[in-house]
Amino acid sequence: MTARDDHELPIDADLDPADPAAPAPQHRPIGHVRRADPAVLAAIALGGVIGAPARYGVAQLVHVAPNTFPWATFVTNISGSFAIGVVVVLLLEWLPTAKHLRPFLATGVLGAYTTYSTFAVETDLLVKNGRAAIAFLYVVSSFVVGFAAVWAGIVIGRLVPRRAGVRR
């Protein structure tokens, strides 16, 4: 068990120095450029192959009229926020040494599933088309409901009993 509070999650689970699965720090000469692990990049890319079509599928199911609240992106981003809360907790609790699973699921699948760029473009278009009030509601509700969703995902993820022998 680390000195960290039992219920505290790292800001970035993939970069947490207290993570038992994290590689030991290496001393590199000044000017050395750290290259990404090709296997981790492949895991992220493979996850993206799953997440991007899933986002497209949601956009096809949730029809939105022009200049109205962008429900398709909102639903996608909120459900993705909830999912990342659950997934990260479960991975940290159940599979803390799985090197490629977090990048695959959290960055690849859920990173491709959720979309900041579409959120930004839709907000910009709403403002440009004279729908600033809807744009404001969209931005505020996306952040508030998104944070609530990730928090709910973390809470629900913590309700799943830890596997015997796995310690944080």
Protein backbone atom coordinates (compact mmCIF):
# COMPACT_ATOMS: atom_id res chain seq x y z
CA MET A 1 0.00 0.00 0.00
CA THR A 2 1.35 3.43 -0.82
CA ALA A 3 1.29 6.42 1.47
CA ARG A 4 -1.47 7.79 -0.73
CA ASP A 5 -4.99 7.67 0.70
CA ASP A 6 -6.72 4.39 -0.21
CA HIS A 7 -9.49 6.20 -2.11
CA GLU A 8 -7.36 8.69 -4.00
CA LEU A 9 -6.67 8.13 -7.70
CA PRO A 10 -3.62 9.54 -9.43
CA ILE A 11 -4.16 12.50 -11.71
CA ASP A 12 -2.91 10.44 -14.65
CA ALA A 13 -2.91 6.75 -13.87
CA ASP A 14 -0.50 6.07 -16.73
CA LEU A 15 2.08 8.48 -15.33
CA ASP A 16 1.72 7.92 -11.57
CA PRO A 17 5.22 7.40 -10.11
CA ALA A 18 3.73 5.47 -7.17
CA ASP A 19 2.10 2.96 -9.54
CA PRO A 20 3.71 -0.46 -8.91
CA ALA A 21 3.41 -1.21 -12.63
CA ALA A 22 5.27 1.94 -13.65
CA PRO A 23 8.82 1.42 -14.86
CA ALA A 24 11.61 2.56 -12.59
CA PRO A 25 12.96 6.00 -13.46
CA GLN A 26 15.97 5.88 -15.73
CA HIS A 27 18.71 8.46 -15.87
CA ARG A 28 19.11 9.73 -19.39
CA PRO A 29 21.76 12.00 -20.76
CA ILE A 30 20.72 15.63 -21.25
CA GLY A 31 19.11 16.07 -24.63
CA HIS A 32 17.93 12.45 -24.80
CA VAL A 33 14.49 12.25 -26.38
CA ARG A 34 12.16 9.67 -24.87
CA ARG A 35 10.47 7.66 -27.59
CA ALA A 36 7.04 6.15 -27.16
CA ASP A 37 6.85 2.39 -26.80
CA PRO A 38 5.62 1.07 -30.16
CA ALA A 39 3.51 -1.59 -28.42
CA VAL A 40 1.73 1.09 -26.37
CA LEU A 41 1.13 3.16 -29.51
CA ALA A 42 -0.25 0.06 -31.23
CA ALA A 43 -2.59 -0.55 -28.27
CA ILE A 44 -3.84 3.05 -28.48
CA ALA A 45 -4.33 2.82 -32.25
CA LEU A 46 -6.19 -0.49 -31.96
CA GLY A 47 -8.43 1.04 -29.28
CA GLY A 48 -9.10 3.99 -31.56
CA VAL A 49 -10.26 1.59 -34.26
CA ILE A 50 -13.01 0.52 -31.85
CA GLY A 51 -13.82 3.89 -30.23
CA ALA A 52 -14.20 6.04 -33.34
CA PRO A 53 -16.87 3.87 -35.02
CA ALA A 54 -18.68 3.63 -31.68
CA ARG A 55 -18.84 7.44 -31.58
CA TYR A 56 -20.11 7.47 -35.16
CA GLY A 57 -22.76 4.92 -34.19
CA VAL A 58 -24.05 7.12 -31.38
CA ALA A 59 -24.17 10.09 -33.78
CA GLN A 60 -26.28 8.00 -36.16
CA LEU A 61 -28.70 6.96 -33.39
CA VAL A 62 -29.16 10.41 -31.83
CA HIS A 63 -30.54 12.77 -34.45
CA VAL A 64 -29.97 16.48 -33.90
CA ALA A 65 -31.50 19.34 -35.86
CA PRO A 66 -29.14 22.16 -36.90
CA ASN A 67 -28.70 25.02 -34.40
CA THR A 68 -30.14 22.99 -31.51
CA PHE A 69 -28.49 21.40 -28.49
CA PRO A 70 -25.90 18.89 -29.80
CA TRP A 71 -27.32 15.85 -28.02
CA ALA A 72 -25.29 13.25 -29.94
CA THR A 73 -21.92 14.65 -28.85
CA PHE A 74 -23.25 15.39 -25.38
CA VAL A 75 -24.43 11.78 -24.91
CA THR A 76 -21.16 10.45 -26.31
CA ASN A 77 -18.96 12.61 -24.08
CA ILE A 78 -21.00 12.00 -20.93
CA SER A 79 -21.17 8.23 -21.42
CA GLY A 80 -17.44 8.23 -22.20
CA SER A 81 -16.73 10.21 -19.03
CA PHE A 82 -18.69 7.70 -16.99
CA ALA A 83 -16.95 4.78 -18.70
CA ILE A 84 -13.47 6.18 -18.10
CA GLY A 85 -14.24 6.56 -14.40
CA VAL A 86 -15.27 2.91 -14.16
CA VAL A 87 -12.52 1.59 -16.43
CA VAL A 88 -9.60 3.36 -14.76
CA VAL A 89 -10.69 2.29 -11.27
CA LEU A 90 -11.19 -1.31 -12.34
CA LEU A 91 -7.87 -1.44 -14.16
CA LEU A 92 -6.03 0.04 -11.18
CA GLU A 93 -7.79 -2.35 -8.78
CA TRP A 94 -7.89 -5.54 -10.83
CA LEU A 95 -5.03 -5.34 -13.32
CA PRO A 96 -2.46 -2.83 -12.03
CA THR A 97 0.39 -4.46 -13.95
CA ALA A 98 -1.38 -4.65 -17.33
CA LYS A 99 0.92 -2.33 -19.27
CA HIS A 100 -1.11 -2.10 -22.49
CA LEU A 101 -4.68 -2.33 -21.23
CA ARG A 102 -4.96 1.23 -19.88
CA PRO A 103 -3.65 2.83 -23.08
CA PHE A 104 -5.88 0.53 -25.15
CA LEU A 105 -9.10 1.19 -23.22
CA ALA A 106 -8.67 4.65 -21.68
CA THR A 107 -6.69 6.45 -24.37
CA GLY A 108 -7.56 4.39 -27.45
CA VAL A 109 -11.17 3.26 -27.13
CA LEU A 110 -12.53 6.01 -24.87
CA GLY A 111 -10.25 8.72 -26.26
CA ALA A 112 -11.54 8.03 -29.76
CA TYR A 113 -15.11 7.56 -28.53
CA THR A 114 -15.28 10.93 -26.78
CA THR A 115 -14.59 14.05 -28.77
CA TYR A 116 -13.38 17.45 -27.69
CA SER A 117 -12.90 18.65 -31.25
CA THR A 118 -16.54 18.08 -32.23
CA PHE A 119 -17.64 19.68 -28.94
CA ALA A 120 -15.54 22.78 -29.77
CA VAL A 121 -16.74 23.01 -33.39
CA GLU A 122 -20.39 22.59 -32.41
CA THR A 123 -20.03 25.29 -29.75
CA ASP A 124 -18.40 27.64 -32.25
CA LEU A 125 -21.11 27.02 -34.84
CA LEU A 126 -23.88 27.64 -32.32
CA VAL A 127 -22.33 31.00 -31.40
CA LYS A 128 -21.74 31.95 -35.07
CA ASN A 129 -25.35 31.07 -35.89
CA GLY A 130 -26.77 33.29 -33.15
CA ARG A 131 -27.41 30.52 -30.62
CA ALA A 132 -25.05 31.75 -27.88
CA ALA A 133 -27.46 30.76 -25.08
CA ILE A 134 -27.57 27.17 -26.34
CA ALA A 135 -23.79 27.20 -26.75
CA PHE A 136 -23.37 28.42 -23.17
CA LEU A 137 -25.77 25.76 -21.86
CA TYR A 138 -23.90 23.13 -23.90
CA VAL A 139 -20.48 24.11 -22.52
CA VAL A 140 -21.58 24.41 -18.90
CA SER A 141 -23.68 21.24 -18.91
CA SER A 142 -20.94 19.28 -20.68
CA PHE A 143 -18.42 20.15 -17.99
CA VAL A 144 -20.75 19.81 -15.00
CA VAL A 145 -22.46 16.62 -16.14
CA GLY A 146 -19.15 15.25 -17.49
CA PHE A 147 -17.43 15.67 -14.12
CA ALA A 148 -20.45 14.19 -12.36
CA ALA A 149 -20.39 11.23 -14.75
CA VAL A 150 -16.69 10.49 -14.23
CA TRP A 151 -17.20 10.80 -10.46
CA ALA A 152 -20.16 8.40 -10.63
CA GLY A 153 -18.04 6.01 -12.69
CA ILE A 154 -15.29 6.11 -10.06
CA VAL A 155 -17.80 5.49 -7.26
CA ILE A 156 -19.39 2.57 -9.10
CA GLY A 157 -15.98 1.18 -10.04
CA ARG A 158 -15.01 1.20 -6.37
CA LEU A 159 -18.12 -0.81 -5.49
CA VAL A 160 -16.69 -3.79 -7.39
CA PRO A 161 -14.81 -5.91 -4.83
CA ARG A 162 -11.05 -6.03 -5.24
CA ARG A 163 -9.56 -9.26 -6.47
CA ALA A 164 -7.80 -11.20 -3.72
CA GLY A 165 -4.08 -10.51 -3.60
CA VAL A 166 -4.24 -7.27 -5.60
CA ARG A 167 -3.06 -4.26 -3.63
CA ARG A 168 -2.71 -0.66 -4.62
